[in-house]
Amino acid sequence: MEDEDLSLSPGTLAILNEFLKEKADRERAELEKIKNKNYKDLHFQEDWQLSQFWYSCETTNVFGKVVKQLLQAADDAFFHIALLSCPSLYKSVKEIHDTVQIFEYDKRFAAFGEDFVFYDFNEGCEANNLKKFSHKYDLIIADPPFLSEECIVKMCKIIEFLLKPSGKVIFCSGVLVEPWLCSYLPVKKCKYQPQHERNLGNEFASYANFDLDHYIIR
C-alpha cells in the first residue's frame, strides 16, 4: 500500500485533533483537581480493556459510611486503608480519612502521588515495591479485575500479605468466585450487593471477615 493511501483526509484529521485536544484538556483539568485536593469532582473514565467498572454513587456512599463507622470504632489516627483495584471508592474514602492508598495497575492513578501504589496481581506479593507494605493495613477493600480462579487466589495472597493480623477485609466480586475466595480467606458472603454505574452480566456480591451488613443497616 502506498504511503499516501494511509494518510487521513483533512476532515478526519480535524476530528482526530479535536478529540486529542479534548482528551488533553480533560486530563489537565483532572490533574488540577488533584493538585487542589478537589477529589469530589474528580472523575477518571473507565478503561474496559483493564476490566474497570466504576461503582454507583449509592455504593460509594455506602462504603464511605462503613469506613467512617470503622474509624470511629477504632479511634486510631494511624488507621491505614488500602483499595485494591477499586479506585472509584477513593473519593468517598479520602474525604473521610487521609491515610488511604490505591493499589492499581492503571498508572493514570499515579496522579494521586503517594496515595498510588502500582501493582500487578500476577506478580503477587513478591514484587519489590510491595514488601514495605507487609501487614500494614487495618482495612482492605478489594475488587479483582477478573473472575478467574487464578486471579482470585493471587489477590487473596496479596491481601494476606498486606493485612494486619487483626485487620478487616471487604472483597467484592461475582458470586461465582465464592468457592475459591472462601477457601483462601476467612470471609463470608454479606447481604449487601454493591452496584455499578453500568449493569454487569454477572451477579455481584460482597464478602467480609466481619459483620459488614451491621454497619450498612445502621
N, C-alpha and C. Protein backbone atom coordinates (compact mmCIF):
# COMPACT_ATOMS: atom_id res chain seq x y z
N MET A 1 0.85 -1.20 0.00
CA MET A 1 0.00 0.00 0.00
C MET A 1 0.88 1.24 0.00
N GLU A 2 0.59 2.18 -0.85
CA GLU A 2 1.37 3.41 -0.93
C GLU A 2 1.13 4.26 0.32
N ASP A 3 2.16 5.09 0.67
CA ASP A 3 2.08 5.91 1.86
C ASP A 3 0.89 6.85 1.82
N GLU A 4 0.60 7.41 0.59
CA GLU A 4 -0.49 8.37 0.52
C GLU A 4 -1.84 7.73 0.82
N ASP A 5 -1.95 6.41 0.64
CA ASP A 5 -3.20 5.73 0.94
C ASP A 5 -3.47 5.67 2.44
N LEU A 6 -2.38 5.82 3.24
CA LEU A 6 -2.52 5.73 4.68
C LEU A 6 -2.80 7.09 5.32
N SER A 7 -2.71 8.15 4.57
CA SER A 7 -2.91 9.49 5.13
C SER A 7 -4.40 9.74 5.37
N LEU A 8 -4.67 10.55 6.39
CA LEU A 8 -6.05 10.88 6.74
C LEU A 8 -6.53 12.07 5.93
N SER A 9 -7.81 12.08 5.64
CA SER A 9 -8.39 13.22 4.96
C SER A 9 -8.40 14.42 5.90
N PRO A 10 -8.42 15.65 5.37
CA PRO A 10 -8.43 16.84 6.24
C PRO A 10 -9.56 16.81 7.25
N GLY A 11 -10.74 16.35 6.84
CA GLY A 11 -11.88 16.30 7.76
C GLY A 11 -11.66 15.33 8.89
N THR A 12 -11.16 14.13 8.56
CA THR A 12 -10.90 13.12 9.58
C THR A 12 -9.78 13.56 10.52
N LEU A 13 -8.76 14.19 9.94
CA LEU A 13 -7.63 14.67 10.75
C LEU A 13 -8.10 15.74 11.74
N ALA A 14 -9.00 16.60 11.28
CA ALA A 14 -9.52 17.66 12.16
C ALA A 14 -10.29 17.06 13.33
N ILE A 15 -11.10 16.01 13.04
CA ILE A 15 -11.86 15.35 14.10
C ILE A 15 -10.92 14.68 15.10
N LEU A 16 -9.87 14.02 14.60
CA LEU A 16 -8.91 13.36 15.46
C LEU A 16 -8.19 14.37 16.35
N ASN A 17 -7.78 15.47 15.76
CA ASN A 17 -7.07 16.50 16.53
C ASN A 17 -7.97 17.11 17.61
N GLU A 18 -9.24 17.28 17.28
CA GLU A 18 -10.19 17.82 18.25
C GLU A 18 -10.40 16.85 19.41
N PHE A 19 -10.47 15.55 19.08
CA PHE A 19 -10.61 14.52 20.12
C PHE A 19 -9.40 14.52 21.05
N LEU A 20 -8.20 14.57 20.46
CA LEU A 20 -6.98 14.57 21.26
C LEU A 20 -6.88 15.82 22.13
N LYS A 21 -7.32 16.95 21.59
CA LYS A 21 -7.31 18.19 22.36
C LYS A 21 -8.26 18.11 23.55
N GLU A 22 -9.47 17.59 23.32
CA GLU A 22 -10.44 17.45 24.40
C GLU A 22 -9.93 16.49 25.47
N LYS A 23 -9.28 15.41 25.03
CA LYS A 23 -8.73 14.43 25.96
C LYS A 23 -7.64 15.08 26.83
N ALA A 24 -6.75 15.86 26.19
CA ALA A 24 -5.68 16.54 26.92
C ALA A 24 -6.25 17.56 27.90
N ASP A 25 -7.29 18.27 27.47
CA ASP A 25 -7.93 19.27 28.35
C ASP A 25 -8.55 18.60 29.57
N ARG A 26 -9.20 17.43 29.36
CA ARG A 26 -9.81 16.70 30.48
C ARG A 26 -8.74 16.25 31.46
N GLU A 27 -7.63 15.74 30.94
CA GLU A 27 -6.56 15.26 31.80
C GLU A 27 -5.94 16.39 32.61
N ARG A 28 -5.77 17.56 31.96
CA ARG A 28 -5.23 18.71 32.68
C ARG A 28 -6.18 19.16 33.78
N ALA A 29 -7.46 19.12 33.48
CA ALA A 29 -8.47 19.51 34.47
C ALA A 29 -8.45 18.56 35.66
N GLU A 30 -8.31 17.26 35.39
CA GLU A 30 -8.27 16.28 36.47
C GLU A 30 -7.04 16.48 37.34
N LEU A 31 -5.90 16.75 36.70
CA LEU A 31 -4.67 16.96 37.45
C LEU A 31 -4.76 18.21 38.32
N GLU A 32 -5.45 19.23 37.84
CA GLU A 32 -5.63 20.45 38.61
C GLU A 32 -6.49 20.18 39.84
N LYS A 33 -7.52 19.35 39.67
CA LYS A 33 -8.38 18.98 40.80
C LYS A 33 -7.57 18.22 41.85
N ILE A 34 -6.70 17.33 41.39
CA ILE A 34 -5.86 16.57 42.32
C ILE A 34 -4.92 17.50 43.07
N LYS A 35 -4.33 18.43 42.34
CA LYS A 35 -3.40 19.38 42.94
C LYS A 35 -4.08 20.17 44.04
N ASN A 36 -5.32 20.54 43.82
CA ASN A 36 -6.08 21.34 44.79
C ASN A 36 -6.86 20.48 45.79
N LYS A 37 -6.64 19.15 45.72
CA LYS A 37 -7.33 18.18 46.58
C LYS A 37 -8.85 18.29 46.43
N ASN A 38 -9.28 18.57 45.21
CA ASN A 38 -10.70 18.66 44.93
C ASN A 38 -11.19 17.30 44.45
N TYR A 39 -11.18 16.32 45.34
CA TYR A 39 -11.46 14.95 44.97
C TYR A 39 -12.94 14.73 44.62
N LYS A 40 -13.81 15.57 45.16
CA LYS A 40 -15.24 15.39 44.98
C LYS A 40 -15.64 15.43 43.51
N ASP A 41 -15.00 16.31 42.73
CA ASP A 41 -15.36 16.48 41.32
C ASP A 41 -14.46 15.70 40.38
N LEU A 42 -13.57 14.88 40.94
CA LEU A 42 -12.62 14.14 40.12
C LEU A 42 -13.27 12.91 39.51
N HIS A 43 -13.02 12.69 38.23
CA HIS A 43 -13.64 11.54 37.59
C HIS A 43 -12.78 11.04 36.43
N PHE A 44 -12.21 9.84 36.61
CA PHE A 44 -11.48 9.18 35.54
C PHE A 44 -12.45 8.29 34.78
N GLN A 45 -12.27 8.20 33.49
CA GLN A 45 -13.11 7.34 32.67
C GLN A 45 -12.71 5.88 32.87
N GLU A 46 -13.69 4.99 32.82
CA GLU A 46 -13.40 3.55 32.89
C GLU A 46 -12.58 3.12 31.69
N ASP A 47 -11.68 2.19 31.92
CA ASP A 47 -10.92 1.56 30.84
C ASP A 47 -11.36 0.10 30.78
N TRP A 48 -12.23 -0.20 29.83
CA TRP A 48 -12.78 -1.56 29.77
C TRP A 48 -11.73 -2.59 29.43
N GLN A 49 -10.66 -2.18 28.76
CA GLN A 49 -9.59 -3.13 28.44
C GLN A 49 -8.90 -3.62 29.71
N LEU A 50 -8.99 -2.81 30.78
CA LEU A 50 -8.42 -3.21 32.07
C LEU A 50 -9.51 -3.76 32.99
N SER A 51 -10.68 -4.05 32.41
CA SER A 51 -11.80 -4.59 33.17
C SER A 51 -12.21 -3.67 34.31
N GLN A 52 -12.31 -2.37 34.01
CA GLN A 52 -12.70 -1.38 35.00
C GLN A 52 -14.19 -1.05 34.88
N PHE A 53 -14.90 -1.15 35.99
CA PHE A 53 -16.31 -0.81 36.04
C PHE A 53 -16.56 -0.09 37.36
N TRP A 54 -16.87 1.19 37.26
CA TRP A 54 -16.99 2.01 38.47
C TRP A 54 -18.27 1.72 39.24
N TYR A 55 -18.18 1.87 40.57
CA TYR A 55 -19.34 1.70 41.42
C TYR A 55 -20.31 2.87 41.24
N SER A 56 -21.57 2.62 41.57
CA SER A 56 -22.58 3.67 41.53
C SER A 56 -22.35 4.64 42.70
N CYS A 57 -22.96 5.81 42.63
CA CYS A 57 -22.83 6.80 43.70
C CYS A 57 -23.38 6.23 45.02
N GLU A 58 -24.46 5.47 44.92
CA GLU A 58 -25.05 4.87 46.11
C GLU A 58 -24.07 3.93 46.80
N THR A 59 -23.37 3.14 46.01
CA THR A 59 -22.41 2.18 46.57
C THR A 59 -21.20 2.89 47.17
N THR A 60 -20.66 3.89 46.49
CA THR A 60 -19.52 4.62 47.04
C THR A 60 -19.90 5.32 48.34
N ASN A 61 -21.12 5.82 48.42
CA ASN A 61 -21.59 6.46 49.66
C ASN A 61 -21.72 5.44 50.78
N VAL A 62 -22.23 4.25 50.45
CA VAL A 62 -22.37 3.20 51.46
C VAL A 62 -21.02 2.82 52.03
N PHE A 63 -20.04 2.58 51.17
CA PHE A 63 -18.72 2.20 51.66
C PHE A 63 -18.06 3.34 52.43
N GLY A 64 -18.33 4.57 52.02
CA GLY A 64 -17.81 5.72 52.76
C GLY A 64 -18.35 5.73 54.18
N LYS A 65 -19.65 5.44 54.36
CA LYS A 65 -20.26 5.40 55.68
C LYS A 65 -19.71 4.25 56.52
N VAL A 66 -19.45 3.13 55.87
CA VAL A 66 -18.86 1.99 56.57
C VAL A 66 -17.49 2.36 57.10
N VAL A 67 -16.68 2.97 56.25
CA VAL A 67 -15.34 3.38 56.66
C VAL A 67 -15.41 4.36 57.82
N LYS A 68 -16.33 5.30 57.75
CA LYS A 68 -16.46 6.29 58.82
C LYS A 68 -16.77 5.63 60.16
N GLN A 69 -17.67 4.64 60.15
CA GLN A 69 -18.02 3.94 61.38
C GLN A 69 -16.86 3.11 61.92
N LEU A 70 -16.13 2.48 61.02
CA LEU A 70 -14.97 1.69 61.45
C LEU A 70 -13.90 2.58 62.06
N LEU A 71 -13.73 3.76 61.50
CA LEU A 71 -12.76 4.71 62.04
C LEU A 71 -13.17 5.17 63.43
N GLN A 72 -14.45 5.45 63.60
CA GLN A 72 -14.95 5.89 64.90
C GLN A 72 -14.76 4.80 65.95
N ALA A 73 -14.97 3.57 65.55
CA ALA A 73 -14.81 2.45 66.48
C ALA A 73 -13.34 2.22 66.83
N ALA A 74 -12.47 2.45 65.84
CA ALA A 74 -11.04 2.22 66.06
C ALA A 74 -10.41 3.33 66.88
N ASP A 75 -10.89 4.57 66.68
CA ASP A 75 -10.35 5.72 67.41
C ASP A 75 -8.83 5.77 67.29
N ASP A 76 -8.35 5.57 66.07
CA ASP A 76 -6.91 5.48 65.85
C ASP A 76 -6.54 6.33 64.64
N ALA A 77 -5.74 7.37 64.87
CA ALA A 77 -5.35 8.26 63.78
C ALA A 77 -4.44 7.57 62.78
N PHE A 78 -3.87 6.43 63.16
CA PHE A 78 -2.93 5.74 62.28
C PHE A 78 -3.59 4.57 61.56
N PHE A 79 -4.90 4.60 61.45
CA PHE A 79 -5.67 3.59 60.74
C PHE A 79 -5.35 3.66 59.25
N HIS A 80 -4.84 2.57 58.69
CA HIS A 80 -4.42 2.55 57.29
C HIS A 80 -5.41 1.75 56.44
N ILE A 81 -5.77 2.33 55.30
CA ILE A 81 -6.74 1.72 54.39
C ILE A 81 -6.10 1.49 53.03
N ALA A 82 -6.35 0.33 52.43
CA ALA A 82 -5.87 0.02 51.07
C ALA A 82 -7.06 -0.32 50.19
N LEU A 83 -7.07 0.23 48.99
CA LEU A 83 -8.10 -0.08 48.00
C LEU A 83 -7.43 -0.83 46.86
N LEU A 84 -7.75 -2.10 46.71
CA LEU A 84 -7.13 -2.93 45.68
C LEU A 84 -8.06 -3.03 44.47
N SER A 85 -7.67 -2.40 43.38
CA SER A 85 -8.41 -2.46 42.11
C SER A 85 -9.85 -1.96 42.23
N CYS A 86 -10.07 -0.99 43.09
CA CYS A 86 -11.39 -0.35 43.19
C CYS A 86 -11.21 1.16 43.36
N PRO A 87 -10.59 1.81 42.39
CA PRO A 87 -10.28 3.24 42.52
C PRO A 87 -11.50 4.15 42.60
N SER A 88 -12.67 3.68 42.17
CA SER A 88 -13.85 4.55 42.23
C SER A 88 -14.31 4.78 43.67
N LEU A 89 -13.73 4.06 44.63
CA LEU A 89 -14.04 4.31 46.04
C LEU A 89 -13.14 5.37 46.65
N TYR A 90 -12.11 5.77 45.93
CA TYR A 90 -11.08 6.64 46.51
C TYR A 90 -11.66 7.95 47.02
N LYS A 91 -12.49 8.61 46.23
CA LYS A 91 -13.00 9.92 46.62
C LYS A 91 -13.78 9.86 47.92
N SER A 92 -14.70 8.91 48.02
CA SER A 92 -15.55 8.84 49.21
C SER A 92 -14.75 8.49 50.46
N VAL A 93 -13.72 7.66 50.29
CA VAL A 93 -12.89 7.28 51.43
C VAL A 93 -11.92 8.39 51.79
N LYS A 94 -11.33 9.02 50.80
CA LYS A 94 -10.34 10.07 51.04
C LYS A 94 -10.96 11.28 51.74
N GLU A 95 -12.21 11.55 51.45
CA GLU A 95 -12.89 12.68 52.09
C GLU A 95 -13.11 12.44 53.57
N ILE A 96 -13.08 11.16 53.97
CA ILE A 96 -13.30 10.79 55.36
C ILE A 96 -11.99 10.61 56.12
N HIS A 97 -11.01 10.02 55.43
CA HIS A 97 -9.76 9.65 56.11
C HIS A 97 -8.58 9.86 55.15
N ASP A 98 -7.52 10.44 55.66
CA ASP A 98 -6.41 10.82 54.78
C ASP A 98 -5.48 9.67 54.45
N THR A 99 -5.41 8.68 55.35
CA THR A 99 -4.43 7.59 55.16
C THR A 99 -5.04 6.45 54.37
N VAL A 100 -5.13 6.66 53.05
CA VAL A 100 -5.69 5.65 52.16
C VAL A 100 -4.81 5.57 50.92
N GLN A 101 -4.59 4.36 50.43
CA GLN A 101 -3.77 4.18 49.24
C GLN A 101 -4.48 3.29 48.22
N ILE A 102 -4.30 3.65 46.95
CA ILE A 102 -4.85 2.89 45.84
C ILE A 102 -3.78 1.95 45.30
N PHE A 103 -4.07 0.68 45.28
CA PHE A 103 -3.19 -0.29 44.62
C PHE A 103 -3.80 -0.55 43.25
N GLU A 104 -3.10 -0.15 42.21
CA GLU A 104 -3.66 -0.19 40.87
C GLU A 104 -2.62 -0.53 39.82
N TYR A 105 -3.07 -1.22 38.78
CA TYR A 105 -2.25 -1.49 37.61
C TYR A 105 -2.29 -0.30 36.65
N ASP A 106 -3.37 0.45 36.68
CA ASP A 106 -3.59 1.59 35.81
C ASP A 106 -2.77 2.78 36.31
N LYS A 107 -1.76 3.17 35.56
CA LYS A 107 -0.84 4.21 36.01
C LYS A 107 -1.41 5.62 35.90
N ARG A 108 -2.63 5.76 35.39
CA ARG A 108 -3.26 7.08 35.41
C ARG A 108 -3.40 7.57 36.85
N PHE A 109 -3.59 6.62 37.76
CA PHE A 109 -3.83 6.99 39.15
C PHE A 109 -2.55 7.37 39.89
N ALA A 110 -1.42 7.34 39.19
CA ALA A 110 -0.19 7.86 39.76
C ALA A 110 -0.32 9.36 40.02
N ALA A 111 -1.34 9.98 39.42
CA ALA A 111 -1.61 11.40 39.65
C ALA A 111 -1.93 11.67 41.11
N PHE A 112 -2.29 10.63 41.88
CA PHE A 112 -2.59 10.80 43.29
C PHE A 112 -1.34 10.80 44.15
N GLY A 113 -0.18 10.77 43.53
CA GLY A 113 1.07 10.87 44.28
C GLY A 113 1.32 9.69 45.18
N GLU A 114 1.63 9.96 46.45
CA GLU A 114 1.98 8.90 47.39
C GLU A 114 0.80 7.98 47.72
N ASP A 115 -0.40 8.40 47.38
CA ASP A 115 -1.57 7.54 47.62
C ASP A 115 -1.66 6.41 46.60
N PHE A 116 -0.86 6.49 45.55
CA PHE A 116 -0.89 5.47 44.50
C PHE A 116 0.24 4.47 44.69
N VAL A 117 -0.11 3.18 44.58
CA VAL A 117 0.89 2.11 44.60
C VAL A 117 0.65 1.24 43.38
N PHE A 118 1.63 1.17 42.51
CA PHE A 118 1.49 0.31 41.34
C PHE A 118 1.61 -1.15 41.75
N TYR A 119 0.70 -1.98 41.24
CA TYR A 119 0.85 -3.42 41.47
C TYR A 119 0.21 -4.20 40.33
N ASP A 120 0.77 -5.36 40.10
CA ASP A 120 0.27 -6.30 39.11
C ASP A 120 -0.02 -7.59 39.88
N PHE A 121 -1.30 -7.98 39.95
CA PHE A 121 -1.63 -9.14 40.78
C PHE A 121 -0.89 -10.40 40.32
N ASN A 122 -0.47 -10.42 39.05
CA ASN A 122 0.28 -11.58 38.55
C ASN A 122 1.65 -11.71 39.20
N GLU A 123 2.20 -10.59 39.65
CA GLU A 123 3.50 -10.61 40.32
C GLU A 123 3.37 -11.02 41.78
N GLY A 124 2.17 -10.87 42.32
CA GLY A 124 1.93 -11.25 43.70
C GLY A 124 2.68 -10.38 44.70
N CYS A 125 2.76 -10.86 45.93
CA CYS A 125 3.40 -10.08 46.98
C CYS A 125 4.92 -10.15 46.92
N GLU A 126 5.45 -10.83 45.91
CA GLU A 126 6.90 -10.90 45.74
C GLU A 126 7.45 -9.64 45.06
N ALA A 127 6.57 -8.82 44.53
CA ALA A 127 7.02 -7.58 43.87
C ALA A 127 7.77 -6.72 44.89
N ASN A 128 8.92 -6.22 44.49
CA ASN A 128 9.77 -5.47 45.42
C ASN A 128 9.08 -4.25 46.01
N ASN A 129 8.24 -3.58 45.21
CA ASN A 129 7.63 -2.35 45.72
C ASN A 129 6.52 -2.61 46.73
N LEU A 130 6.11 -3.86 46.91
CA LEU A 130 5.06 -4.17 47.87
C LEU A 130 5.60 -4.60 49.23
N LYS A 131 6.87 -4.95 49.28
CA LYS A 131 7.42 -5.53 50.51
C LYS A 131 7.33 -4.59 51.71
N LYS A 132 7.42 -3.31 51.47
CA LYS A 132 7.38 -2.35 52.59
C LYS A 132 5.97 -2.19 53.16
N PHE A 133 4.96 -2.77 52.49
CA PHE A 133 3.58 -2.64 52.96
C PHE A 133 3.09 -3.90 53.69
N SER A 134 4.01 -4.79 54.00
CA SER A 134 3.64 -6.05 54.65
C SER A 134 2.92 -5.80 55.97
N HIS A 135 1.70 -6.37 56.11
CA HIS A 135 0.90 -6.29 57.34
C HIS A 135 0.75 -4.86 57.84
N LYS A 136 0.49 -3.96 56.92
CA LYS A 136 0.38 -2.54 57.27
C LYS A 136 -1.07 -2.09 57.44
N TYR A 137 -2.02 -2.74 56.77
CA TYR A 137 -3.35 -2.16 56.63
C TYR A 137 -4.38 -2.74 57.61
N ASP A 138 -5.16 -1.81 58.17
CA ASP A 138 -6.24 -2.16 59.10
C ASP A 138 -7.50 -2.55 58.34
N LEU A 139 -7.66 -2.00 57.14
CA LEU A 139 -8.82 -2.29 56.31
C LEU A 139 -8.40 -2.38 54.85
N ILE A 140 -8.81 -3.44 54.18
CA ILE A 140 -8.58 -3.59 52.75
C ILE A 140 -9.92 -3.83 52.06
N ILE A 141 -10.18 -3.04 51.03
CA ILE A 141 -11.35 -3.26 50.18
C ILE A 141 -10.80 -3.66 48.82
N ALA A 142 -11.21 -4.81 48.32
CA ALA A 142 -10.66 -5.35 47.08
C ALA A 142 -11.77 -5.71 46.09
N ASP A 143 -11.47 -5.50 44.85
CA ASP A 143 -12.39 -5.85 43.76
C ASP A 143 -11.54 -6.32 42.59
N PRO A 144 -11.23 -7.62 42.52
CA PRO A 144 -10.31 -8.12 41.49
C PRO A 144 -10.82 -7.86 40.09
N PRO A 145 -9.92 -7.61 39.15
CA PRO A 145 -10.34 -7.27 37.79
C PRO A 145 -10.94 -8.45 37.02
N PHE A 146 -10.61 -9.67 37.41
CA PHE A 146 -11.07 -10.85 36.67
C PHE A 146 -11.72 -11.87 37.61
N LEU A 147 -12.56 -12.71 37.04
CA LEU A 147 -13.30 -13.69 37.83
C LEU A 147 -12.70 -15.08 37.75
N SER A 148 -11.47 -15.19 37.32
CA SER A 148 -10.82 -16.49 37.20
C SER A 148 -10.28 -16.95 38.56
N GLU A 149 -10.15 -18.24 38.72
CA GLU A 149 -9.59 -18.79 39.96
C GLU A 149 -8.17 -18.29 40.19
N GLU A 150 -7.40 -18.22 39.12
CA GLU A 150 -6.01 -17.75 39.24
C GLU A 150 -5.97 -16.33 39.82
N CYS A 151 -6.80 -15.45 39.30
CA CYS A 151 -6.82 -14.07 39.78
C CYS A 151 -7.25 -14.01 41.23
N ILE A 152 -8.30 -14.73 41.59
CA ILE A 152 -8.82 -14.70 42.96
C ILE A 152 -7.78 -15.21 43.96
N VAL A 153 -7.14 -16.30 43.63
CA VAL A 153 -6.13 -16.87 44.53
C VAL A 153 -4.96 -15.91 44.73
N LYS A 154 -4.49 -15.32 43.64
CA LYS A 154 -3.37 -14.38 43.74
C LYS A 154 -3.75 -13.14 44.53
N MET A 155 -4.97 -12.66 44.34
CA MET A 155 -5.44 -11.50 45.08
C MET A 155 -5.54 -11.82 46.58
N CYS A 156 -6.01 -13.01 46.89
CA CYS A 156 -6.12 -13.41 48.29
C CYS A 156 -4.75 -13.44 48.97
N LYS A 157 -3.77 -13.93 48.28
CA LYS A 157 -2.42 -13.99 48.84
C LYS A 157 -1.85 -12.58 49.07
N ILE A 158 -2.15 -11.66 48.16
CA ILE A 158 -1.71 -10.28 48.33
C ILE A 158 -2.40 -9.64 49.54
N ILE A 159 -3.69 -9.92 49.67
CA ILE A 159 -4.43 -9.38 50.81
C ILE A 159 -3.86 -9.91 52.12
N GLU A 160 -3.58 -11.19 52.20
CA GLU A 160 -2.98 -11.77 53.41
C GLU A 160 -1.65 -11.10 53.73
N PHE A 161 -0.91 -10.75 52.71
CA PHE A 161 0.39 -10.13 52.88
C PHE A 161 0.26 -8.69 53.39
N LEU A 162 -0.74 -7.97 52.91
CA LEU A 162 -0.88 -6.55 53.24
C LEU A 162 -1.65 -6.31 54.54
N LEU A 163 -2.53 -7.21 54.91
CA LEU A 163 -3.45 -7.01 56.02
C LEU A 163 -2.79 -7.28 57.37
N LYS A 164 -3.10 -6.42 58.34
CA LYS A 164 -2.67 -6.68 59.70
C LYS A 164 -3.38 -7.93 60.23
N PRO A 165 -2.79 -8.63 61.19
CA PRO A 165 -3.43 -9.83 61.73
C PRO A 165 -4.85 -9.58 62.23
N SER A 166 -5.11 -8.40 62.76
CA SER A 166 -6.43 -8.06 63.26
C SER A 166 -7.23 -7.22 62.27
N GLY A 167 -6.73 -7.12 61.03
CA GLY A 167 -7.35 -6.24 60.05
C GLY A 167 -8.66 -6.77 59.49
N LYS A 168 -9.40 -5.87 58.87
CA LYS A 168 -10.68 -6.20 58.25
C LYS A 168 -10.55 -6.16 56.73
N VAL A 169 -11.29 -7.03 56.06
CA VAL A 169 -11.25 -7.07 54.60
C VAL A 169 -12.66 -7.14 54.04
N ILE A 170 -12.89 -6.36 53.00
CA ILE A 170 -14.13 -6.42 52.23
C ILE A 170 -13.75 -6.80 50.81
N PHE A 171 -14.33 -7.86 50.31
CA PHE A 171 -13.98 -8.39 49.00
C PHE A 171 -15.24 -8.38 48.13
N CYS A 172 -15.20 -7.64 47.03
CA CYS A 172 -16.35 -7.52 46.14
C CYS A 172 -16.05 -8.21 44.81
N SER A 173 -16.95 -9.07 44.39
CA SER A 173 -16.72 -9.78 43.13
C SER A 173 -17.98 -10.53 42.73
N GLY A 174 -17.92 -11.24 41.61
CA GLY A 174 -19.04 -12.06 41.19
C GLY A 174 -19.22 -13.25 42.10
N VAL A 175 -20.47 -13.70 42.27
CA VAL A 175 -20.75 -14.80 43.20
C VAL A 175 -20.08 -16.11 42.77
N LEU A 176 -19.74 -16.22 41.51
CA LEU A 176 -19.14 -17.47 41.05
C LEU A 176 -17.74 -17.70 41.61
N VAL A 177 -17.10 -16.65 42.18
CA VAL A 177 -15.76 -16.83 42.74
C VAL A 177 -15.81 -17.32 44.19
N GLU A 178 -17.00 -17.43 44.76
CA GLU A 178 -17.14 -17.74 46.19
C GLU A 178 -16.40 -18.98 46.64
N PRO A 179 -16.46 -20.12 45.92
CA PRO A 179 -15.74 -21.31 46.38
C PRO A 179 -14.24 -21.07 46.51
N TRP A 180 -13.64 -20.37 45.55
CA TRP A 180 -12.20 -20.11 45.60
C TRP A 180 -11.88 -19.11 46.70
N LEU A 181 -12.66 -18.04 46.74
CA LEU A 181 -12.42 -16.98 47.71
C LEU A 181 -12.49 -17.49 49.14
N CYS A 182 -13.55 -18.20 49.47
CA CYS A 182 -13.76 -18.65 50.84
C CYS A 182 -12.81 -19.78 51.24
N SER A 183 -12.14 -20.36 50.27
CA SER A 183 -11.14 -21.38 50.56
C SER A 183 -9.82 -20.75 50.99
N TYR A 184 -9.60 -19.49 50.60
CA TYR A 184 -8.32 -18.85 50.86
C TYR A 184 -8.39 -17.73 51.90
N LEU A 185 -9.57 -17.13 52.07
CA LEU A 185 -9.72 -16.06 53.06
C LEU A 185 -10.88 -16.40 54.00
N PRO A 186 -10.78 -16.03 55.28
CA PRO A 186 -11.86 -16.30 56.24
C PRO A 186 -12.99 -15.29 56.12
N VAL A 187 -13.63 -15.25 54.96
CA VAL A 187 -14.70 -14.29 54.71
C VAL A 187 -16.02 -15.03 54.47
N LYS A 188 -17.12 -14.31 54.69
CA LYS A 188 -18.45 -14.85 54.43
C LYS A 188 -19.24 -13.89 53.54
N LYS A 189 -20.17 -14.44 52.80
CA LYS A 189 -20.99 -13.62 51.91
C LYS A 189 -21.91 -12.73 52.74
N CYS A 190 -22.01 -11.45 52.33
CA CYS A 190 -22.85 -10.49 53.03
C CYS A 190 -24.15 -10.27 52.24
N LYS A 191 -25.13 -9.68 52.90
CA LYS A 191 -26.38 -9.38 52.23
C LYS A 191 -26.22 -8.22 51.24
N TYR A 192 -25.33 -7.30 51.56
CA TYR A 192 -25.18 -6.11 50.72
C TYR A 192 -24.58 -6.47 49.36
N GLN A 193 -25.21 -5.95 48.30
CA GLN A 193 -24.75 -6.16 46.94
C GLN A 193 -24.29 -4.83 46.34
N PRO A 194 -23.01 -4.65 46.12
CA PRO A 194 -22.51 -3.42 45.50
C PRO A 194 -23.10 -3.26 44.10
N GLN A 195 -23.36 -2.02 43.73
CA GLN A 195 -23.92 -1.72 42.41
C GLN A 195 -22.93 -0.91 41.59
N HIS A 196 -23.06 -1.00 40.28
CA HIS A 196 -22.16 -0.29 39.37
C HIS A 196 -22.93 0.72 38.53
N GLU A 197 -22.16 1.65 37.95
CA GLU A 197 -22.78 2.63 37.06
C GLU A 197 -23.38 1.95 35.83
N ARG A 198 -22.77 0.84 35.43
CA ARG A 198 -23.26 0.08 34.28
C ARG A 198 -23.68 -1.31 34.76
N ASN A 199 -24.71 -1.85 34.15
CA ASN A 199 -25.16 -3.18 34.52
C ASN A 199 -24.16 -4.24 34.06
N LEU A 200 -23.77 -5.11 34.99
CA LEU A 200 -22.84 -6.19 34.66
C LEU A 200 -23.61 -7.48 34.45
N GLY A 201 -23.05 -8.33 33.62
CA GLY A 201 -23.73 -9.58 33.30
C GLY A 201 -23.71 -10.58 34.44
N ASN A 202 -22.70 -10.49 35.34
CA ASN A 202 -22.58 -11.45 36.43
C ASN A 202 -23.20 -10.90 37.72
N GLU A 203 -23.80 -11.80 38.49
CA GLU A 203 -24.34 -11.40 39.79
C GLU A 203 -23.20 -11.02 40.71
N PHE A 204 -23.31 -9.87 41.35
CA PHE A 204 -22.23 -9.34 42.17
C PHE A 204 -22.56 -9.48 43.64
N ALA A 205 -21.52 -9.60 44.48
CA ALA A 205 -21.74 -9.76 45.91
C ALA A 205 -20.57 -9.17 46.69
N SER A 206 -20.78 -9.01 47.99
CA SER A 206 -19.70 -8.57 48.87
C SER A 206 -19.43 -9.65 49.91
N TYR A 207 -18.18 -9.75 50.31
CA TYR A 207 -17.75 -10.73 51.30
C TYR A 207 -16.87 -10.00 52.32
N ALA A 208 -16.92 -10.44 53.56
CA ALA A 208 -16.12 -9.77 54.59
C ALA A 208 -15.77 -10.74 55.71
N ASN A 209 -14.73 -10.39 56.45
CA ASN A 209 -14.33 -11.19 57.61
C ASN A 209 -14.89 -10.59 58.90
N PHE A 210 -15.91 -9.71 58.76
CA PHE A 210 -16.62 -9.13 59.90
C PHE A 210 -18.06 -8.88 59.46
N ASP A 211 -18.91 -8.41 60.37
CA ASP A 211 -20.32 -8.21 60.05
C ASP A 211 -20.52 -6.89 59.29
N LEU A 212 -20.25 -6.93 58.00
CA LEU A 212 -20.36 -5.72 57.17
C LEU A 212 -21.79 -5.19 57.16
N ASP A 213 -22.77 -6.06 57.08
CA ASP A 213 -24.17 -5.63 56.99
C ASP A 213 -24.60 -4.81 58.22
N HIS A 214 -24.01 -5.11 59.36
CA HIS A 214 -24.33 -4.36 60.58
C HIS A 214 -24.04 -2.87 60.40
N TYR A 215 -22.94 -2.56 59.75
CA TYR A 215 -22.54 -1.16 59.54
C TYR A 215 -23.36 -0.49 58.44
N ILE A 216 -23.94 -1.27 57.57
CA ILE A 216 -24.73 -0.71 56.47
C ILE A 216 -26.17 -0.46 56.91
N ILE A 217 -26.73 -1.35 57.70
CA ILE A 217 -28.11 -1.24 58.14
C ILE A 217 -28.29 -0.10 59.13
N ARG A 218 -27.29 0.17 59.91
CA ARG A 218 -27.38 1.21 60.95
C ARG A 218 -27.71 2.57 60.35
